[in-house]
Amino acid sequence: LALGDGARGTVGARVLAQPALPAGGFADRTVVDARTVFPAPESLDDAE
């Protein structure tokens, strides 16, 4: 949805991430270190 200063990424891109606790994924939104995300495989839907 948005990039912090110095973060690399593309707004709107679909990614896989492991959010750092205490801000886990059972939420509407979360923040993650940009260096830890991976592109989501196009062959799988969001849940997969």
All heavy atoms as atom14 arrays in JSON, in Angstrom:
{
  "sequence": "LALGDGARGTVGARVLAQPALPAGGFADRTVVDARTVFPAPESLDDAE",
  "atom14_mask": [
    [1, 1, 1, 1, 1, 1, 1, 1, 0, 0, 0, 0, 0, 0],
    [1, 1, 1, 1, 1, 0, 0, 0, 0, 0, 0, 0, 0, 0],
    [1, 1, 1, 1, 1, 1, 1, 1, 0, 0, 0, 0, 0, 0],
    [1, 1, 1, 1, 0, 0, 0, 0, 0, 0, 0, 0, 0, 0],
    [1, 1, 1, 1, 1, 1, 1, 1, 0, 0, 0, 0, 0, 0],
    [1, 1, 1, 1, 0, 0, 0, 0, 0, 0, 0, 0, 0, 0],
    [1, 1, 1, 1, 1, 0, 0, 0, 0, 0, 0, 0, 0, 0],
    [1, 1, 1, 1, 1, 1, 1, 1, 1, 1, 1, 0, 0, 0],
    [1, 1, 1, 1, 0, 0, 0, 0, 0, 0, 0, 0, 0, 0],
    [1, 1, 1, 1, 1, 1, 1, 0, 0, 0, 0, 0, 0, 0],
    [1, 1, 1, 1, 1, 1, 1, 0, 0, 0, 0, 0, 0, 0],
    [1, 1, 1, 1, 0, 0, 0, 0, 0, 0, 0, 0, 0, 0],
    [1, 1, 1, 1, 1, 0, 0, 0, 0, 0, 0, 0, 0, 0],
    [1, 1, 1, 1, 1, 1, 1, 1, 1, 1, 1, 0, 0, 0],
    [1, 1, 1, 1, 1, 1, 1, 0, 0, 0, 0, 0, 0, 0],
    [1, 1, 1, 1, 1, 1, 1, 1, 0, 0, 0, 0, 0, 0],
    [1, 1, 1, 1, 1, 0, 0, 0, 0, 0, 0, 0, 0, 0],
    [1, 1, 1, 1, 1, 1, 1, 1, 1, 0, 0, 0, 0, 0],
    [1, 1, 1, 1, 1, 1, 1, 0, 0, 0, 0, 0, 0, 0],
    [1, 1, 1, 1, 1, 0, 0, 0, 0, 0, 0, 0, 0, 0],
    [1, 1, 1, 1, 1, 1, 1, 1, 0, 0, 0, 0, 0, 0],
    [1, 1, 1, 1, 1, 1, 1, 0, 0, 0, 0, 0, 0, 0],
    [1, 1, 1, 1, 1, 0, 0, 0, 0, 0, 0, 0, 0, 0],
    [1, 1, 1, 1, 0, 0, 0, 0, 0, 0, 0, 0, 0, 0],
    [1, 1, 1, 1, 0, 0, 0, 0, 0, 0, 0, 0, 0, 0],
    [1, 1, 1, 1, 1, 1, 1, 1, 1, 1, 1, 0, 0, 0],
    [1, 1, 1, 1, 1, 0, 0, 0, 0, 0, 0, 0, 0, 0],
    [1, 1, 1, 1, 1, 1, 1, 1, 0, 0, 0, 0, 0, 0],
    [1, 1, 1, 1, 1, 1, 1, 1, 1, 1, 1, 0, 0, 0],
    [1, 1, 1, 1, 1, 1, 1, 0, 0, 0, 0, 0, 0, 0],
    [1, 1, 1, 1, 1, 1, 1, 0, 0, 0, 0, 0, 0, 0],
    [1, 1, 1, 1, 1, 1, 1, 0, 0, 0, 0, 0, 0, 0],
    [1, 1, 1, 1, 1, 1, 1, 1, 0, 0, 0, 0, 0, 0],
    [1, 1, 1, 1, 1, 0, 0, 0, 0, 0, 0, 0, 0, 0],
    [1, 1, 1, 1, 1, 1, 1, 1, 1, 1, 1, 0, 0, 0],
    [1, 1, 1, 1, 1, 1, 1, 0, 0, 0, 0, 0, 0, 0],
    [1, 1, 1, 1, 1, 1, 1, 0, 0, 0, 0, 0, 0, 0],
    [1, 1, 1, 1, 1, 1, 1, 1, 1, 1, 1, 0, 0, 0],
    [1, 1, 1, 1, 1, 1, 1, 0, 0, 0, 0, 0, 0, 0],
    [1, 1, 1, 1, 1, 0, 0, 0, 0, 0, 0, 0, 0, 0],
    [1, 1, 1, 1, 1, 1, 1, 0, 0, 0, 0, 0, 0, 0],
    [1, 1, 1, 1, 1, 1, 1, 1, 1, 0, 0, 0, 0, 0],
    [1, 1, 1, 1, 1, 1, 0, 0, 0, 0, 0, 0, 0, 0],
    [1, 1, 1, 1, 1, 1, 1, 1, 0, 0, 0, 0, 0, 0],
    [1, 1, 1, 1, 1, 1, 1, 1, 0, 0, 0, 0, 0, 0],
    [1, 1, 1, 1, 1, 1, 1, 1, 0, 0, 0, 0, 0, 0],
    [1, 1, 1, 1, 1, 0, 0, 0, 0, 0, 0, 0, 0, 0],
    [1, 1, 1, 1, 1, 1, 1, 1, 1, 0, 0, 0, 0, 0]
  ],
  "atom14_positions": [
    [[0.81, -1.22, 0.0], [0.0, 0.0, 0.0], [0.85, 1.27, 0.0], [0.44, 2.28, -0.57], [-0.93, 0.01, 1.22], [-1.93, -1.14, 1.33], [-2.75, -0.99, 2.6], [-2.84, -1.19, 0.12], [0.0, 0.0, 0.0], [0.0, 0.0, 0.0], [0.0, 0.0, 0.0], [0.0, 0.0, 0.0], [0.0, 0.0, 0.0], [0.0, 0.0, 0.0]],
    [[1.99, 1.23, 0.66], [2.84, 2.42, 0.76], [4.26, 2.0, 1.12], [4.49, 0.93, 1.7], [2.3, 3.4, 1.8], [0.0, 0.0, 0.0], [0.0, 0.0, 0.0], [0.0, 0.0, 0.0], [0.0, 0.0, 0.0], [0.0, 0.0, 0.0], [0.0, 0.0, 0.0], [0.0, 0.0, 0.0], [0.0, 0.0, 0.0], [0.0, 0.0, 0.0]],
    [[5.22, 2.85, 0.76], [6.64, 2.59, 1.01], [7.19, 3.62, 2.0], [6.92, 4.82, 1.88], [7.46, 2.69, -0.28], [7.4, 1.53, -1.28], [6.02, 1.39, -1.89], [8.43, 1.75, -2.39], [0.0, 0.0, 0.0], [0.0, 0.0, 0.0], [0.0, 0.0, 0.0], [0.0, 0.0, 0.0], [0.0, 0.0, 0.0], [0.0, 0.0, 0.0]],
    [[7.93, 3.13, 3.0], [8.65, 4.03, 3.88], [9.88, 4.57, 3.19], [10.27, 4.11, 2.11], [0.0, 0.0, 0.0], [0.0, 0.0, 0.0], [0.0, 0.0, 0.0], [0.0, 0.0, 0.0], [0.0, 0.0, 0.0], [0.0, 0.0, 0.0], [0.0, 0.0, 0.0], [0.0, 0.0, 0.0], [0.0, 0.0, 0.0], [0.0, 0.0, 0.0]],
    [[10.51, 5.55, 3.8], [11.71, 6.15, 3.22], [12.77, 5.09, 2.94], [13.1, 4.28, 3.82], [12.29, 7.2, 4.17], [11.4, 8.43, 4.3], [10.53, 8.61, 3.42], [11.56, 9.18, 5.27], [0.0, 0.0, 0.0], [0.0, 0.0, 0.0], [0.0, 0.0, 0.0], [0.0, 0.0, 0.0], [0.0, 0.0, 0.0], [0.0, 0.0, 0.0]],
    [[13.28, 5.09, 1.72], [14.37, 4.19, 1.37], [13.95, 2.77, 1.06], [14.79, 1.95, 0.69], [0.0, 0.0, 0.0], [0.0, 0.0, 0.0], [0.0, 0.0, 0.0], [0.0, 0.0, 0.0], [0.0, 0.0, 0.0], [0.0, 0.0, 0.0], [0.0, 0.0, 0.0], [0.0, 0.0, 0.0], [0.0, 0.0, 0.0], [0.0, 0.0, 0.0]],
    [[12.65, 2.45, 1.18], [12.19, 1.09, 0.92], [12.01, 0.87, -0.58], [11.59, 1.77, -1.3], [10.88, 0.82, 1.65], [0.0, 0.0, 0.0], [0.0, 0.0, 0.0], [0.0, 0.0, 0.0], [0.0, 0.0, 0.0], [0.0, 0.0, 0.0], [0.0, 0.0, 0.0], [0.0, 0.0, 0.0], [0.0, 0.0, 0.0], [0.0, 0.0, 0.0]],
    [[12.31, -0.33, -1.01], [12.11, -0.7, -2.41], [10.86, -1.56, -2.53], [10.62, -2.44, -1.71], [13.32, -1.45, -2.94], [14.58, -0.61, -3.04], [15.71, -1.4, -3.68], [16.91, -0.59, -3.84], [18.03, -1.03, -4.41], [18.08, -2.27, -4.89], [19.08, -0.23, -4.52], [0.0, 0.0, 0.0], [0.0, 0.0, 0.0], [0.0, 0.0, 0.0]],
    [[10.11, -1.31, -3.59], [8.88, -2.05, -3.82], [7.99, -1.28, -4.76], [8.28, -0.12, -5.1], [0.0, 0.0, 0.0], [0.0, 0.0, 0.0], [0.0, 0.0, 0.0], [0.0, 0.0, 0.0], [0.0, 0.0, 0.0], [0.0, 0.0, 0.0], [0.0, 0.0, 0.0], [0.0, 0.0, 0.0], [0.0, 0.0, 0.0], [0.0, 0.0, 0.0]],
    [[6.89, -1.91, -5.15], [5.95, -1.3, -6.08], [4.57, -1.3, -5.46], [4.05, -2.38, -5.11], [5.92, -2.06, -7.42], [7.23, -2.09, -7.97], [4.96, -1.39, -8.39], [0.0, 0.0, 0.0], [0.0, 0.0, 0.0], [0.0, 0.0, 0.0], [0.0, 0.0, 0.0], [0.0, 0.0, 0.0], [0.0, 0.0, 0.0], [0.0, 0.0, 0.0]],
    [[3.99, -0.11, -5.29], [2.64, -0.04, -4.74], [1.69, -0.84, -5.63], [1.71, -0.72, -6.86], [2.19, 1.42, -4.63], [0.71, 1.5, -4.24], [3.04, 2.17, -3.61], [0.0, 0.0, 0.0], [0.0, 0.0, 0.0], [0.0, 0.0, 0.0], [0.0, 0.0, 0.0], [0.0, 0.0, 0.0], [0.0, 0.0, 0.0], [0.0, 0.0, 0.0]],
    [[0.89, -1.68, -4.99], [-0.04, -2.54, -5.72], [0.47, -3.94, -5.98], [-0.3, -4.82, -6.37], [0.0, 0.0, 0.0], [0.0, 0.0, 0.0], [0.0, 0.0, 0.0], [0.0, 0.0, 0.0], [0.0, 0.0, 0.0], [0.0, 0.0, 0.0], [0.0, 0.0, 0.0], [0.0, 0.0, 0.0], [0.0, 0.0, 0.0], [0.0, 0.0, 0.0]],
    [[1.78, -4.17, -5.78], [2.35, -5.5, -6.02], [1.85, -6.49, -4.97], [1.63, -6.15, -3.81], [3.87, -5.44, -5.99], [0.0, 0.0, 0.0], [0.0, 0.0, 0.0], [0.0, 0.0, 0.0], [0.0, 0.0, 0.0], [0.0, 0.0, 0.0], [0.0, 0.0, 0.0], [0.0, 0.0, 0.0], [0.0, 0.0, 0.0], [0.0, 0.0, 0.0]],
    [[1.68, -7.73, -5.41], [1.24, -8.81, -4.51], [2.47, -9.54, -4.01], [3.3, -10.01, -4.81], [0.32, -9.76, -5.28], [-0.57, -10.63, -4.39], [-1.57, -11.39, -5.25], [-0.94, -12.37, -6.09], [-1.12, -13.7, -5.98], [-1.91, -14.19, -5.05], [-0.51, -14.52, -6.8], [0.0, 0.0, 0.0], [0.0, 0.0, 0.0], [0.0, 0.0, 0.0]],
    [[2.61, -9.65, -2.69], [3.82, -10.21, -2.1], [3.49, -11.2, -0.99], [2.39, -11.21, -0.44], [4.73, -9.09, -1.52], [5.21, -8.16, -2.63], [4.0, -8.31, -0.43], [0.0, 0.0, 0.0], [0.0, 0.0, 0.0], [0.0, 0.0, 0.0], [0.0, 0.0, 0.0], [0.0, 0.0, 0.0], [0.0, 0.0, 0.0], [0.0, 0.0, 0.0]],
    [[4.5, -12.03, -0.67], [4.44, -12.88, 0.52], [5.34, -12.24, 1.56], [6.39, -11.69, 1.25], [4.97, -14.28, 0.21], [4.27, -15.07, -0.9], [4.84, -16.48, -0.96], [2.78, -15.09, -0.7], [0.0, 0.0, 0.0], [0.0, 0.0, 0.0], [0.0, 0.0, 0.0], [0.0, 0.0, 0.0], [0.0, 0.0, 0.0], [0.0, 0.0, 0.0]],
    [[4.92, -12.33, 2.83], [5.7, -11.7, 3.89], [5.51, -12.44, 5.2], [4.5, -13.1, 5.42], [5.3, -10.23, 4.06], [0.0, 0.0, 0.0], [0.0, 0.0, 0.0], [0.0, 0.0, 0.0], [0.0, 0.0, 0.0], [0.0, 0.0, 0.0], [0.0, 0.0, 0.0], [0.0, 0.0, 0.0], [0.0, 0.0, 0.0], [0.0, 0.0, 0.0]],
    [[6.51, -12.3, 6.05], [6.45, -12.74, 7.44], [6.56, -11.51, 8.32], [7.66, -11.02, 8.57], [7.6, -13.69, 7.75], [7.33, -15.15, 7.48], [8.38, -16.01, 8.15], [9.5, -16.11, 7.69], [8.0, -16.61, 9.26], [0.0, 0.0, 0.0], [0.0, 0.0, 0.0], [0.0, 0.0, 0.0], [0.0, 0.0, 0.0], [0.0, 0.0, 0.0]],
    [[5.46, -10.97, 8.78], [5.53, -9.77, 9.6], [6.24, -10.04, 10.91], [6.12, -11.12, 11.49], [4.07, -9.39, 9.82], [3.31, -10.66, 9.61], [4.08, -11.45, 8.6], [0.0, 0.0, 0.0], [0.0, 0.0, 0.0], [0.0, 0.0, 0.0], [0.0, 0.0, 0.0], [0.0, 0.0, 0.0], [0.0, 0.0, 0.0], [0.0, 0.0, 0.0]],
    [[7.01, -9.06, 11.36], [7.74, -9.21, 12.62], [6.81, -8.94, 13.8], [6.15, -7.9, 13.84], [8.93, -8.25, 12.65], [0.0, 0.0, 0.0], [0.0, 0.0, 0.0], [0.0, 0.0, 0.0], [0.0, 0.0, 0.0], [0.0, 0.0, 0.0], [0.0, 0.0, 0.0], [0.0, 0.0, 0.0], [0.0, 0.0, 0.0], [0.0, 0.0, 0.0]],
    [[6.74, -9.88, 14.72], [5.93, -9.68, 15.92], [6.54, -8.54, 16.74], [7.75, -8.36, 16.73], [5.88, -10.98, 16.72], [5.27, -12.18, 15.96], [5.31, -13.42, 16.84], [3.86, -11.9, 15.51], [0.0, 0.0, 0.0], [0.0, 0.0, 0.0], [0.0, 0.0, 0.0], [0.0, 0.0, 0.0], [0.0, 0.0, 0.0], [0.0, 0.0, 0.0]],
    [[5.68, -7.76, 17.39], [4.29, -8.05, 17.79], [3.21, -7.7, 16.77], [2.04, -7.82, 17.06], [4.12, -7.2, 19.05], [4.99, -6.01, 18.81], [6.19, -6.54, 18.07], [0.0, 0.0, 0.0], [0.0, 0.0, 0.0], [0.0, 0.0, 0.0], [0.0, 0.0, 0.0], [0.0, 0.0, 0.0], [0.0, 0.0, 0.0], [0.0, 0.0, 0.0]],
    [[3.59, -7.27, 15.56], [2.59, -6.86, 14.57], [2.4, -7.94, 13.54], [2.89, -7.84, 12.41], [3.0, -5.54, 13.92], [0.0, 0.0, 0.0], [0.0, 0.0, 0.0], [0.0, 0.0, 0.0], [0.0, 0.0, 0.0], [0.0, 0.0, 0.0], [0.0, 0.0, 0.0], [0.0, 0.0, 0.0], [0.0, 0.0, 0.0], [0.0, 0.0, 0.0]],
    [[1.69, -9.01, 13.9], [1.5, -10.15, 13.01], [0.43, -9.91, 11.96], [-0.07, -8.8, 11.76], [0.0, 0.0, 0.0], [0.0, 0.0, 0.0], [0.0, 0.0, 0.0], [0.0, 0.0, 0.0], [0.0, 0.0, 0.0], [0.0, 0.0, 0.0], [0.0, 0.0, 0.0], [0.0, 0.0, 0.0], [0.0, 0.0, 0.0], [0.0, 0.0, 0.0]],
    [[0.05, -10.98, 11.27], [-0.77, -10.88, 10.08], [-2.27, -10.97, 10.26], [-3.01, -10.74, 9.3], [0.0, 0.0, 0.0], [0.0, 0.0, 0.0], [0.0, 0.0, 0.0], [0.0, 0.0, 0.0], [0.0, 0.0, 0.0], [0.0, 0.0, 0.0], [0.0, 0.0, 0.0], [0.0, 0.0, 0.0], [0.0, 0.0, 0.0], [0.0, 0.0, 0.0]],
    [[-2.77, -11.29, 11.46], [-4.22, -11.38, 11.65], [-4.77, -9.98, 11.92], [-5.21, -9.63, 13.02], [-4.57, -12.33, 12.8], [-4.15, -13.76, 12.55], [-3.74, -14.57, 13.59], [-4.17, -14.29, 11.27], [-3.36, -15.89, 13.36], [-3.78, -15.61, 11.02], [-3.37, -16.4, 12.08], [0.0, 0.0, 0.0], [0.0, 0.0, 0.0], [0.0, 0.0, 0.0]],
    [[-4.72, -9.16, 10.87], [-5.12, -7.76, 10.94], [-5.44, -7.27, 9.54], [-5.15, -7.95, 8.55], [-3.99, -6.92, 11.55], [0.0, 0.0, 0.0], [0.0, 0.0, 0.0], [0.0, 0.0, 0.0], [0.0, 0.0, 0.0], [0.0, 0.0, 0.0], [0.0, 0.0, 0.0], [0.0, 0.0, 0.0], [0.0, 0.0, 0.0], [0.0, 0.0, 0.0]],
    [[-6.05, -6.11, 9.46], [-6.33, -5.53, 8.14], [-5.05, -5.08, 7.45], [-4.91, -5.22, 6.23], [-7.27, -4.33, 8.28], [-8.67, -4.73, 8.72], [-9.15, -5.8, 8.29], [-9.29, -3.96, 9.49], [0.0, 0.0, 0.0], [0.0, 0.0, 0.0], [0.0, 0.0, 0.0], [0.0, 0.0, 0.0], [0.0, 0.0, 0.0], [0.0, 0.0, 0.0]],
    [[-4.12, -4.55, 8.23], [-2.87, -4.03, 7.69], [-1.72, -4.34, 8.63], [-1.92, -4.55, 9.82], [-2.96, -2.5, 7.48], [-4.03, -2.07, 6.48], [-4.02, -0.57, 6.27], [-4.97, -0.18, 5.23], [-5.06, 1.04, 4.71], [-4.23, 2.0, 5.15], [-5.94, 1.31, 3.76], [0.0, 0.0, 0.0], [0.0, 0.0, 0.0], [0.0, 0.0, 0.0]],
    [[-0.52, -4.34, 8.09], [0.67, -4.51, 8.91], [1.86, -3.9, 8.17], [1.75, -3.53, 6.99], [0.93, -6.0, 9.23], [1.95, -6.1, 10.23], [1.35, -6.77, 7.99], [0.0, 0.0, 0.0], [0.0, 0.0, 0.0], [0.0, 0.0, 0.0], [0.0, 0.0, 0.0], [0.0, 0.0, 0.0], [0.0, 0.0, 0.0], [0.0, 0.0, 0.0]],
    [[2.98, -3.76, 8.86], [4.2, -3.26, 8.23], [5.28, -4.34, 8.31], [5.32, -5.12, 9.27], [4.72, -1.95, 8.88], [3.74, -0.82, 8.66], [4.98, -2.15, 10.37], [0.0, 0.0, 0.0], [0.0, 0.0, 0.0], [0.0, 0.0, 0.0], [0.0, 0.0, 0.0], [0.0, 0.0, 0.0], [0.0, 0.0, 0.0], [0.0, 0.0, 0.0]],
    [[6.15, -4.37, 7.3], [7.22, -5.35, 7.25], [8.49, -4.69, 6.72], [8.43, -3.66, 6.04], [6.87, -6.57, 6.36], [5.65, -7.3, 6.89], [6.65, -6.13, 4.92], [0.0, 0.0, 0.0], [0.0, 0.0, 0.0], [0.0, 0.0, 0.0], [0.0, 0.0, 0.0], [0.0, 0.0, 0.0], [0.0, 0.0, 0.0], [0.0, 0.0, 0.0]],
    [[9.62, -5.31, 7.0], [10.88, -4.91, 6.42], [10.85, -5.22, 4.92], [10.6, -6.36, 4.53], [12.01, -5.68, 7.11], [13.4, -5.24, 6.68], [13.57, -4.76, 5.54], [14.34, -5.39, 7.48], [0.0, 0.0, 0.0], [0.0, 0.0, 0.0], [0.0, 0.0, 0.0], [0.0, 0.0, 0.0], [0.0, 0.0, 0.0], [0.0, 0.0, 0.0]],
    [[11.1, -4.22, 4.11], [11.01, -4.41, 2.66], [11.96, -5.47, 2.15], [11.71, -6.1, 1.11], [11.28, -3.08, 1.94], [0.0, 0.0, 0.0], [0.0, 0.0, 0.0], [0.0, 0.0, 0.0], [0.0, 0.0, 0.0], [0.0, 0.0, 0.0], [0.0, 0.0, 0.0], [0.0, 0.0, 0.0], [0.0, 0.0, 0.0], [0.0, 0.0, 0.0]],
    [[13.05, -5.71, 2.85], [14.05, -6.68, 2.4], [13.59, -8.11, 2.58], [14.23, -9.03, 2.06], [15.36, -6.46, 3.15], [16.01, -5.1, 2.92], [17.17, -4.88, 3.87], [16.71, -4.87, 5.26], [17.51, -4.71, 6.32], [18.82, -4.56, 6.13], [17.01, -4.71, 7.54], [0.0, 0.0, 0.0], [0.0, 0.0, 0.0], [0.0, 0.0, 0.0]],
    [[12.51, -8.32, 3.33], [12.1, -9.69, 3.66], [10.93, -10.2, 2.82], [10.51, -11.34, 3.01], [11.71, -9.78, 5.15], [10.55, -8.96, 5.39], [12.85, -9.31, 6.04], [0.0, 0.0, 0.0], [0.0, 0.0, 0.0], [0.0, 0.0, 0.0], [0.0, 0.0, 0.0], [0.0, 0.0, 0.0], [0.0, 0.0, 0.0], [0.0, 0.0, 0.0]],
    [[10.39, -9.39, 1.92], [9.22, -9.83, 1.16], [9.65, -10.61, -0.08], [10.78, -10.45, -0.58], [8.32, -8.65, 0.76], [7.85, -7.89, 1.98], [9.0, -7.73, -0.24], [0.0, 0.0, 0.0], [0.0, 0.0, 0.0], [0.0, 0.0, 0.0], [0.0, 0.0, 0.0], [0.0, 0.0, 0.0], [0.0, 0.0, 0.0], [0.0, 0.0, 0.0]],
    [[8.73, -11.43, -0.58], [8.95, -12.22, -1.78], [7.77, -12.0, -2.73], [6.64, -11.8, -2.27], [9.03, -13.71, -1.45], [10.16, -14.08, -0.54], [10.02, -14.03, 0.85], [11.37, -14.49, -1.06], [11.06, -14.37, 1.68], [12.43, -14.84, -0.23], [12.27, -14.78, 1.14], [0.0, 0.0, 0.0], [0.0, 0.0, 0.0], [0.0, 0.0, 0.0]],
    [[8.0, -12.06, -4.02], [6.87, -11.96, -4.94], [5.94, -13.17, -4.79], [6.4, -14.3, -4.68], [7.52, -11.93, -6.32], [8.88, -12.53, -6.12], [9.29, -12.19, -4.73], [0.0, 0.0, 0.0], [0.0, 0.0, 0.0], [0.0, 0.0, 0.0], [0.0, 0.0, 0.0], [0.0, 0.0, 0.0], [0.0, 0.0, 0.0], [0.0, 0.0, 0.0]],
    [[4.63, -12.92, -4.77], [3.67, -14.01, -4.66], [3.6, -14.76, -5.98], [3.52, -14.14, -7.04], [2.3, -13.47, -4.28], [0.0, 0.0, 0.0], [0.0, 0.0, 0.0], [0.0, 0.0, 0.0], [0.0, 0.0, 0.0], [0.0, 0.0, 0.0], [0.0, 0.0, 0.0], [0.0, 0.0, 0.0], [0.0, 0.0, 0.0], [0.0, 0.0, 0.0]],
    [[3.66, -16.09, -5.97], [3.58, -16.85, -7.22], [2.28, -16.58, -7.96], [1.2, -16.63, -7.38], [3.64, -18.31, -6.73], [4.32, -18.24, -5.41], [3.87, -16.95, -4.8], [0.0, 0.0, 0.0], [0.0, 0.0, 0.0], [0.0, 0.0, 0.0], [0.0, 0.0, 0.0], [0.0, 0.0, 0.0], [0.0, 0.0, 0.0], [0.0, 0.0, 0.0]],
    [[2.4, -16.29, -9.25], [1.22, -15.98, -10.04], [0.29, -17.18, -10.2], [-0.91, -17.01, -10.44], [1.65, -15.47, -11.42], [2.41, -14.15, -11.38], [2.8, -13.68, -12.76], [2.49, -14.38, -13.74], [3.44, -12.61, -12.86], [0.0, 0.0, 0.0], [0.0, 0.0, 0.0], [0.0, 0.0, 0.0], [0.0, 0.0, 0.0], [0.0, 0.0, 0.0]],
    [[0.84, -18.38, -10.04], [0.04, -19.59, -10.25], [-0.87, -19.91, -9.07], [-1.7, -20.82, -9.16], [0.96, -20.79, -10.5], [1.85, -20.97, -9.41], [0.0, 0.0, 0.0], [0.0, 0.0, 0.0], [0.0, 0.0, 0.0], [0.0, 0.0, 0.0], [0.0, 0.0, 0.0], [0.0, 0.0, 0.0], [0.0, 0.0, 0.0], [0.0, 0.0, 0.0]],
    [[-0.74, -19.18, -7.95], [-1.52, -19.45, -6.76], [-2.41, -18.26, -6.42], [-2.01, -17.11, -6.59], [-0.6, -19.75, -5.56], [0.4, -20.89, -5.73], [1.27, -21.0, -4.47], [-0.31, -22.22, -6.0], [0.0, 0.0, 0.0], [0.0, 0.0, 0.0], [0.0, 0.0, 0.0], [0.0, 0.0, 0.0], [0.0, 0.0, 0.0], [0.0, 0.0, 0.0]],
    [[-3.61, -18.53, -5.93], [-4.46, -17.43, -5.46], [-3.96, -16.95, -4.1], [-2.97, -17.48, -3.56], [-5.93, -17.83, -5.44], [-6.28, -18.9, -4.41], [-5.54, -19.07, -3.41], [-7.32, -19.59, -4.59], [0.0, 0.0, 0.0], [0.0, 0.0, 0.0], [0.0, 0.0, 0.0], [0.0, 0.0, 0.0], [0.0, 0.0, 0.0], [0.0, 0.0, 0.0]],
    [[-4.61, -15.93, -3.55], [-4.1, -15.31, -2.32], [-3.98, -16.3, -1.16], [-2.97, -16.33, -0.45], [-5.01, -14.14, -1.9], [-4.95, -12.98, -2.87], [-3.96, -12.88, -3.63], [-5.88, -12.16, -2.87], [0.0, 0.0, 0.0], [0.0, 0.0, 0.0], [0.0, 0.0, 0.0], [0.0, 0.0, 0.0], [0.0, 0.0, 0.0], [0.0, 0.0, 0.0]],
    [[-5.03, -17.09, -0.95], [-5.02, -18.03, 0.18], [-3.95, -19.1, -0.02], [-3.23, -19.47, 0.93], [-6.39, -18.67, 0.35], [0.0, 0.0, 0.0], [0.0, 0.0, 0.0], [0.0, 0.0, 0.0], [0.0, 0.0, 0.0], [0.0, 0.0, 0.0], [0.0, 0.0, 0.0], [0.0, 0.0, 0.0], [0.0, 0.0, 0.0], [0.0, 0.0, 0.0]],
    [[-3.83, -19.62, -1.22], [-2.8, -20.63, -1.5], [-1.41, -20.05, -1.34], [-0.52, -20.68, -0.76], [-2.99, -21.17, -2.92], [-4.27, -21.97, -3.11], [-4.61, -22.18, -4.58], [-4.05, -21.46, -5.45], [-5.46, -23.05, -4.86], [0.0, 0.0, 0.0], [0.0, 0.0, 0.0], [0.0, 0.0, 0.0], [0.0, 0.0, 0.0], [0.0, 0.0, 0.0]]
  ]
}
